[in-house]
Amino acid sequence: MDSSTFPKCQKCKEGDLVPLSDFGNQGAAIHYKAWVCTNPECGYNLKIRNGDVYINEPIGSGVNNMRQRNPVNY
């Protein structure tokens, strides 16, 4: 998908809606699981979870979701 084909955000009319992908519980790719506005001041988002569509859920930085690394014992 070329960046010139992304749809305009209908909320702010300034950003583009870009698709995000993820992986399922068993590692299968899930393409276009979410669409997010590129305008950081807008924050509009649309997500699919378990077949349901969620609009404008809070967006976090993901820092708290990072897995803790196990320390290596020598």
PDB file of N, CA and C in Angstrom:
ATOM      1  N   MET A   1       0.843  -1.169   0.000  1.00  0.00           N
ATOM      2  CA  MET A   1       0.000   0.000   0.000  1.00  0.00           C
ATOM      3  C   MET A   1       0.889   1.234   0.000  1.00  0.00           C
ATOM      4  N   ASP A   2       0.715   2.064  -0.957  1.00  0.00           N
ATOM      5  CA  ASP A   2       1.482   3.298  -1.119  1.00  0.00           C
ATOM      6  C   ASP A   2       0.940   4.362  -0.158  1.00  0.00           C
ATOM      7  N   SER A   3       1.836   5.166   0.431  1.00  0.00           N
ATOM      8  CA  SER A   3       1.406   6.171   1.405  1.00  0.00           C
ATOM      9  C   SER A   3       0.434   7.185   0.811  1.00  0.00           C
ATOM     10  N   SER A   4       0.450   7.356  -0.503  1.00  0.00           N
ATOM     11  CA  SER A   4      -0.482   8.299  -1.108  1.00  0.00           C
ATOM     12  C   SER A   4      -1.889   7.724  -1.196  1.00  0.00           C
ATOM     13  N   THR A   5      -2.063   6.445  -0.890  1.00  0.00           N
ATOM     14  CA  THR A   5      -3.389   5.835  -0.958  1.00  0.00           C
ATOM     15  C   THR A   5      -4.046   5.696   0.409  1.00  0.00           C
ATOM     16  N   PHE A   6      -3.372   6.139   1.474  1.00  0.00           N
ATOM     17  CA  PHE A   6      -3.982   6.047   2.796  1.00  0.00           C
ATOM     18  C   PHE A   6      -5.160   7.018   2.874  1.00  0.00           C
ATOM     19  N   PRO A   7      -6.258   6.593   3.514  1.00  0.00           N
ATOM     20  CA  PRO A   7      -7.409   7.496   3.624  1.00  0.00           C
ATOM     21  C   PRO A   7      -7.136   8.627   4.617  1.00  0.00           C
ATOM     22  N   LYS A   8      -7.717   9.781   4.357  1.00  0.00           N
ATOM     23  CA  LYS A   8      -7.618  10.920   5.270  1.00  0.00           C
ATOM     24  C   LYS A   8      -8.432  10.619   6.522  1.00  0.00           C
ATOM     25  N   CYS A   9      -7.935  11.097   7.661  1.00  0.00           N
ATOM     26  CA  CYS A   9      -8.661  10.956   8.916  1.00  0.00           C
ATOM     27  C   CYS A   9      -9.927  11.802   8.837  1.00  0.00           C
ATOM     28  N   GLN A  10     -11.064  11.204   9.107  1.00  0.00           N
ATOM     29  CA  GLN A  10     -12.327  11.928   9.036  1.00  0.00           C
ATOM     30  C   GLN A  10     -12.594  12.756  10.294  1.00  0.00           C
ATOM     31  N   LYS A  11     -11.791  12.549  11.339  1.00  0.00           N
ATOM     32  CA  LYS A  11     -11.964  13.328  12.566  1.00  0.00           C
ATOM     33  C   LYS A  11     -11.256  14.680  12.463  1.00  0.00           C
ATOM     34  N   CYS A  12      -9.938  14.652  12.171  1.00  0.00           N
ATOM     35  CA  CYS A  12      -9.176  15.910  12.147  1.00  0.00           C
ATOM     36  C   CYS A  12      -9.000  16.472  10.735  1.00  0.00           C
ATOM     37  N   LYS A  13      -9.186  15.646   9.734  1.00  0.00           N
ATOM     38  CA  LYS A  13      -9.033  16.059   8.323  1.00  0.00           C
ATOM     39  C   LYS A  13      -7.611  16.453   7.954  1.00  0.00           C
ATOM     40  N   GLU A  14      -6.645  16.226   8.864  1.00  0.00           N
ATOM     41  CA  GLU A  14      -5.257  16.594   8.595  1.00  0.00           C
ATOM     42  C   GLU A  14      -4.367  15.370   8.417  1.00  0.00           C
ATOM     43  N   GLY A  15      -4.502  14.390   9.299  1.00  0.00           N
ATOM     44  CA  GLY A  15      -3.656  13.201   9.242  1.00  0.00           C
ATOM     45  C   GLY A  15      -4.221  12.155   8.303  1.00  0.00           C
ATOM     46  N   ASP A  16      -3.423  11.131   8.087  1.00  0.00           N
ATOM     47  CA  ASP A  16      -3.861   9.978   7.315  1.00  0.00           C
ATOM     48  C   ASP A  16      -4.112   8.826   8.274  1.00  0.00           C
ATOM     49  N   LEU A  17      -5.018   7.934   7.914  1.00  0.00           N
ATOM     50  CA  LEU A  17      -5.207   6.714   8.690  1.00  0.00           C
ATOM     51  C   LEU A  17      -4.258   5.663   8.131  1.00  0.00           C
ATOM     52  N   VAL A  18      -3.379   5.154   8.989  1.00  0.00           N
ATOM     53  CA  VAL A  18      -2.414   4.148   8.553  1.00  0.00           C
ATOM     54  C   VAL A  18      -2.710   2.830   9.260  1.00  0.00           C
ATOM     55  N   PRO A  19      -2.536   1.711   8.542  1.00  0.00           N
ATOM     56  CA  PRO A  19      -2.841   0.407   9.133  1.00  0.00           C
ATOM     57  C   PRO A  19      -1.695  -0.107   9.994  1.00  0.00           C
ATOM     58  N   LEU A  20      -2.052  -0.800  11.056  1.00  0.00           N
ATOM     59  CA  LEU A  20      -1.086  -1.472  11.912  1.00  0.00           C
ATOM     60  C   LEU A  20      -1.429  -2.953  11.940  1.00  0.00           C
ATOM     61  N   SER A  21      -0.429  -3.780  12.050  1.00  0.00           N
ATOM     62  CA  SER A  21      -0.620  -5.222  12.101  1.00  0.00           C
ATOM     63  C   SER A  21      -0.118  -5.746  13.442  1.00  0.00           C
ATOM     64  N   ASP A  22      -0.475  -6.984  13.760  1.00  0.00           N
ATOM     65  CA  ASP A  22      -0.082  -7.589  15.023  1.00  0.00           C
ATOM     66  C   ASP A  22       0.048  -9.089  14.794  1.00  0.00           C
ATOM     67  N   PHE A  23       0.320  -9.805  15.839  1.00  0.00           N
ATOM     68  CA  PHE A  23       0.390 -11.257  15.784  1.00  0.00           C
ATOM     69  C   PHE A  23      -0.617 -11.843  16.758  1.00  0.00           C
ATOM     70  N   GLY A  24      -1.268 -12.920  16.362  1.00  0.00           N
ATOM     71  CA  GLY A  24      -2.230 -13.595  17.220  1.00  0.00           C
ATOM     72  C   GLY A  24      -1.534 -14.395  18.303  1.00  0.00           C
ATOM     73  N   ASN A  25      -2.332 -15.028  19.159  1.00  0.00           N
ATOM     74  CA  ASN A  25      -1.803 -15.807  20.280  1.00  0.00           C
ATOM     75  C   ASN A  25      -0.858 -16.916  19.846  1.00  0.00           C
ATOM     76  N   GLN A  26      -1.075 -17.457  18.661  1.00  0.00           N
ATOM     77  CA  GLN A  26      -0.244 -18.558  18.198  1.00  0.00           C
ATOM     78  C   GLN A  26       0.753 -18.123  17.131  1.00  0.00           C
ATOM     79  N   GLY A  27       0.980 -16.829  17.027  1.00  0.00           N
ATOM     80  CA  GLY A  27       2.022 -16.314  16.149  1.00  0.00           C
ATOM     81  C   GLY A  27       1.606 -15.986  14.733  1.00  0.00           C
ATOM     82  N   ALA A  28       0.345 -16.205  14.381  1.00  0.00           N
ATOM     83  CA  ALA A  28      -0.105 -15.897  13.024  1.00  0.00           C
ATOM     84  C   ALA A  28      -0.251 -14.385  12.850  1.00  0.00           C
ATOM     85  N   ALA A  29       0.174 -13.889  11.711  1.00  0.00           N
ATOM     86  CA  ALA A  29       0.069 -12.456  11.435  1.00  0.00           C
ATOM     87  C   ALA A  29      -1.391 -12.044  11.270  1.00  0.00           C
ATOM     88  N   ILE A  30      -1.737 -10.910  11.865  1.00  0.00           N
ATOM     89  CA  ILE A  30      -3.065 -10.320  11.706  1.00  0.00           C
ATOM     90  C   ILE A  30      -2.851  -8.957  11.073  1.00  0.00           C
ATOM     91  N   HIS A  31      -3.118  -8.880   9.768  1.00  0.00           N
ATOM     92  CA  HIS A  31      -2.893  -7.632   9.033  1.00  0.00           C
ATOM     93  C   HIS A  31      -4.064  -6.678   9.234  1.00  0.00           C
ATOM     94  N   TYR A  32      -3.763  -5.407   9.301  1.00  0.00           N
ATOM     95  CA  TYR A  32      -4.763  -4.338   9.430  1.00  0.00           C
ATOM     96  C   TYR A  32      -5.633  -4.522  10.665  1.00  0.00           C
ATOM     97  N   LYS A  33      -5.008  -4.859  11.781  1.00  0.00           N
ATOM     98  CA  LYS A  33      -5.739  -5.034  13.035  1.00  0.00           C
ATOM     99  C   LYS A  33      -6.196  -3.681  13.586  1.00  0.00           C
ATOM    100  N   ALA A  34      -5.495  -2.632  13.241  1.00  0.00           N
ATOM    101  CA  ALA A  34      -5.838  -1.297  13.729  1.00  0.00           C
ATOM    102  C   ALA A  34      -5.513  -0.264  12.668  1.00  0.00           C
ATOM    103  N   TRP A  35      -6.208   0.849  12.741  1.00  0.00           N
ATOM    104  CA  TRP A  35      -5.924   2.004  11.902  1.00  0.00           C
ATOM    105  C   TRP A  35      -5.768   3.187  12.842  1.00  0.00           C
ATOM    106  N   VAL A  36      -4.723   3.983  12.655  1.00  0.00           N
ATOM    107  CA  VAL A  36      -4.411   5.085  13.561  1.00  0.00           C
ATOM    108  C   VAL A  36      -4.100   6.334  12.748  1.00  0.00           C
ATOM    109  N   CYS A  37      -4.570   7.470  13.238  1.00  0.00           N
ATOM    110  CA  CYS A  37      -4.294   8.748  12.584  1.00  0.00           C
ATOM    111  C   CYS A  37      -2.831   9.126  12.800  1.00  0.00           C
ATOM    112  N   THR A  38      -2.202   9.643  11.759  1.00  0.00           N
ATOM    113  CA  THR A  38      -0.794  10.049  11.843  1.00  0.00           C
ATOM    114  C   THR A  38      -0.607  11.397  12.534  1.00  0.00           C
ATOM    115  N   ASN A  39      -1.685  12.118  12.776  1.00  0.00           N
ATOM    116  CA  ASN A  39      -1.612  13.401  13.468  1.00  0.00           C
ATOM    117  C   ASN A  39      -1.598  13.115  14.974  1.00  0.00           C
ATOM    118  N   PRO A  40      -0.459  13.323  15.663  1.00  0.00           N
ATOM    119  CA  PRO A  40      -0.372  12.989  17.085  1.00  0.00           C
ATOM    120  C   PRO A  40      -1.349  13.767  17.962  1.00  0.00           C
ATOM    121  N   GLU A  41      -1.774  14.939  17.515  1.00  0.00           N
ATOM    122  CA  GLU A  41      -2.734  15.718  18.296  1.00  0.00           C
ATOM    123  C   GLU A  41      -4.148  15.162  18.169  1.00  0.00           C
ATOM    124  N   CYS A  42      -4.406  14.377  17.159  1.00  0.00           N
ATOM    125  CA  CYS A  42      -5.736  13.822  16.927  1.00  0.00           C
ATOM    126  C   CYS A  42      -5.943  12.549  17.744  1.00  0.00           C
ATOM    127  N   GLY A  43      -5.123  11.550  17.506  1.00  0.00           N
ATOM    128  CA  GLY A  43      -5.212  10.306  18.262  1.00  0.00           C
ATOM    129  C   GLY A  43      -6.334   9.371  17.861  1.00  0.00           C
ATOM    130  N   TYR A  44      -7.068   9.668  16.788  1.00  0.00           N
ATOM    131  CA  TYR A  44      -8.160   8.787  16.373  1.00  0.00           C
ATOM    132  C   TYR A  44      -7.613   7.404  16.051  1.00  0.00           C
ATOM    133  N   ASN A  45      -8.318   6.375  16.508  1.00  0.00           N
ATOM    134  CA  ASN A  45      -7.906   5.006  16.199  1.00  0.00           C
ATOM    135  C   ASN A  45      -9.111   4.094  16.127  1.00  0.00           C
ATOM    136  N   LEU A  46      -8.919   3.031  15.398  1.00  0.00           N
ATOM    137  CA  LEU A  46      -9.956   2.041  15.145  1.00  0.00           C
ATOM    138  C   LEU A  46      -9.278   0.687  15.255  1.00  0.00           C
ATOM    139  N   LYS A  47      -9.779  -0.192  16.148  1.00  0.00           N
ATOM    140  CA  LYS A  47      -9.122  -1.474  16.379  1.00  0.00           C
ATOM    141  C   LYS A  47     -10.116  -2.615  16.287  1.00  0.00           C
ATOM    142  N   ILE A  48      -9.625  -3.765  15.864  1.00  0.00           N
ATOM    143  CA  ILE A  48     -10.432  -4.980  15.812  1.00  0.00           C
ATOM    144  C   ILE A  48      -9.880  -5.943  16.848  1.00  0.00           C
ATOM    145  N   ARG A  49     -10.746  -6.396  17.742  1.00  0.00           N
ATOM    146  CA  ARG A  49     -10.340  -7.355  18.762  1.00  0.00           C
ATOM    147  C   ARG A  49     -11.457  -8.392  18.917  1.00  0.00           C
ATOM    148  N   ASN A  50     -11.115  -9.644  18.680  1.00  0.00           N
ATOM    149  CA  ASN A  50     -12.079 -10.750  18.783  1.00  0.00           C
ATOM    150  C   ASN A  50     -13.331 -10.509  17.942  1.00  0.00           C
ATOM    151  N   GLY A  51     -13.155  -9.909  16.785  1.00  0.00           N
ATOM    152  CA  GLY A  51     -14.264  -9.673  15.874  1.00  0.00           C
ATOM    153  C   GLY A  51     -15.074  -8.425  16.170  1.00  0.00           C
ATOM    154  N   ASP A  52     -14.765  -7.725  17.261  1.00  0.00           N
ATOM    155  CA  ASP A  52     -15.464  -6.488  17.599  1.00  0.00           C
ATOM    156  C   ASP A  52     -14.603  -5.298  17.200  1.00  0.00           C
ATOM    157  N   VAL A  53     -15.246  -4.202  16.827  1.00  0.00           N
ATOM    158  CA  VAL A  53     -14.543  -2.986  16.432  1.00  0.00           C
ATOM    159  C   VAL A  53     -14.609  -1.986  17.581  1.00  0.00           C
ATOM    160  N   TYR A  54     -13.458  -1.459  17.948  1.00  0.00           N
ATOM    161  CA  TYR A  54     -13.351  -0.466  19.023  1.00  0.00           C
ATOM    162  C   TYR A  54     -12.852   0.838  18.420  1.00  0.00           C
ATOM    163  N   ILE A  55     -13.499   1.943  18.793  1.00  0.00           N
ATOM    164  CA  ILE A  55     -13.141   3.253  18.254  1.00  0.00           C
ATOM    165  C   ILE A  55     -12.640   4.156  19.379  1.00  0.00           C
ATOM    166  N   ASN A  56     -11.527   4.840  19.107  1.00  0.00           N
ATOM    167  CA  ASN A  56     -10.941   5.827  20.014  1.00  0.00           C
ATOM    168  C   ASN A  56     -10.605   5.298  21.402  1.00  0.00           C
ATOM    169  N   GLU A  57      -9.987   4.131  21.467  1.00  0.00           N
ATOM    170  CA  GLU A  57      -9.488   3.656  22.744  1.00  0.00           C
ATOM    171  C   GLU A  57      -8.247   4.463  23.105  1.00  0.00           C
ATOM    172  N   PRO A  58      -7.952   4.596  24.407  1.00  0.00           N
ATOM    173  CA  PRO A  58      -6.739   5.329  24.787  1.00  0.00           C
ATOM    174  C   PRO A  58      -5.495   4.694  24.160  1.00  0.00           C
ATOM    175  N   ILE A  59      -4.558   5.537  23.766  1.00  0.00           N
ATOM    176  CA  ILE A  59      -3.318   5.066  23.158  1.00  0.00           C
ATOM    177  C   ILE A  59      -2.205   5.213  24.181  1.00  0.00           C
ATOM    178  N   GLY A  60      -1.517   4.120  24.460  1.00  0.00           N
ATOM    179  CA  GLY A  60      -0.390   4.155  25.387  1.00  0.00           C
ATOM    180  C   GLY A  60       0.912   4.062  24.631  1.00  0.00           C
ATOM    181  N   SER A  61       1.991   4.324  25.323  1.00  0.00           N
ATOM    182  CA  SER A  61       3.304   4.297  24.682  1.00  0.00           C
ATOM    183  C   SER A  61       3.806   2.874  24.484  1.00  0.00           C
ATOM    184  N   GLY A  62       3.256   1.918  25.216  1.00  0.00           N
ATOM    185  CA  GLY A  62       3.714   0.539  25.104  1.00  0.00           C
ATOM    186  C   GLY A  62       4.881   0.220  26.011  1.00  0.00           C
ATOM    187  N   VAL A  63       5.404   1.202  26.727  1.00  0.00           N
ATOM    188  CA  VAL A  63       6.552   0.987  27.596  1.00  0.00           C
ATOM    189  C   VAL A  63       6.213  -0.022  28.688  1.00  0.00           C
ATOM    190  N   ASN A  64       5.013   0.054  29.243  1.00  0.00           N
ATOM    191  CA  ASN A  64       4.620  -0.862  30.310  1.00  0.00           C
ATOM    192  C   ASN A  64       4.362  -2.273  29.809  1.00  0.00           C
ATOM    193  N   ASN A  65       4.218  -2.437  28.506  1.00  0.00           N
ATOM    194  CA  ASN A  65       3.938  -3.752  27.941  1.00  0.00           C
ATOM    195  C   ASN A  65       5.195  -4.507  27.542  1.00  0.00           C
ATOM    196  N   MET A  66       6.356  -3.880  27.681  1.00  0.00           N
ATOM    197  CA  MET A  66       7.596  -4.542  27.303  1.00  0.00           C
ATOM    198  C   MET A  66       7.868  -5.687  28.259  1.00  0.00           C
ATOM    199  N   ARG A  67       8.263  -6.810  27.719  1.00  0.00           N
ATOM    200  CA  ARG A  67       8.571  -7.964  28.550  1.00  0.00           C
ATOM    201  C   ARG A  67       9.880  -7.743  29.290  1.00  0.00           C
ATOM    202  N   GLN A  68       9.889  -8.160  30.528  1.00  0.00           N
ATOM    203  CA  GLN A  68      11.101  -8.069  31.322  1.00  0.00           C
ATOM    204  C   GLN A  68      12.096  -9.107  30.831  1.00  0.00           C
ATOM    205  N   ARG A  69      13.340  -8.722  30.697  1.00  0.00           N
ATOM    206  CA  ARG A  69      14.373  -9.646  30.289  1.00  0.00           C
ATOM    207  C   ARG A  69      14.893 -10.363  31.518  1.00  0.00           C
ATOM    208  N   ASN A  70      15.090 -11.640  31.369  1.00  0.00           N
ATOM    209  CA  ASN A  70      15.652 -12.406  32.478  1.00  0.00           C
ATOM    210  C   ASN A  70      17.146 -12.117  32.573  1.00  0.00           C
ATOM    211  N   PRO A  71      17.636 -11.799  33.780  1.00  0.00           N
ATOM    212  CA  PRO A  71      19.081 -11.547  33.906  1.00  0.00           C
ATOM    213  C   PRO A  71      19.873 -12.835  33.678  1.00  0.00           C
ATOM    214  N   VAL A  72      21.006 -12.666  33.101  1.00  0.00           N
ATOM    215  CA  VAL A  72      21.881 -13.815  32.835  1.00  0.00           C
ATOM    216  C   VAL A  72      22.760 -14.025  34.059  1.00  0.00           C
ATOM    217  N   ASN A  73      22.741 -15.226  34.591  1.00  0.00           N
ATOM    218  CA  ASN A  73      23.594 -15.558  35.752  1.00  0.00           C
ATOM    219  C   ASN A  73      24.875 -16.225  35.251  1.00  0.00           C
ATOM    220  N   TYR A  74      25.992 -15.704  35.671  1.00  0.00           N
ATOM    221  CA  TYR A  74      27.264 -16.265  35.260  1.00  0.00           C
ATOM    222  C   TYR A  74      27.855 -17.045  36.385  1.00  0.00           C
TER     223      TYR A  74
END
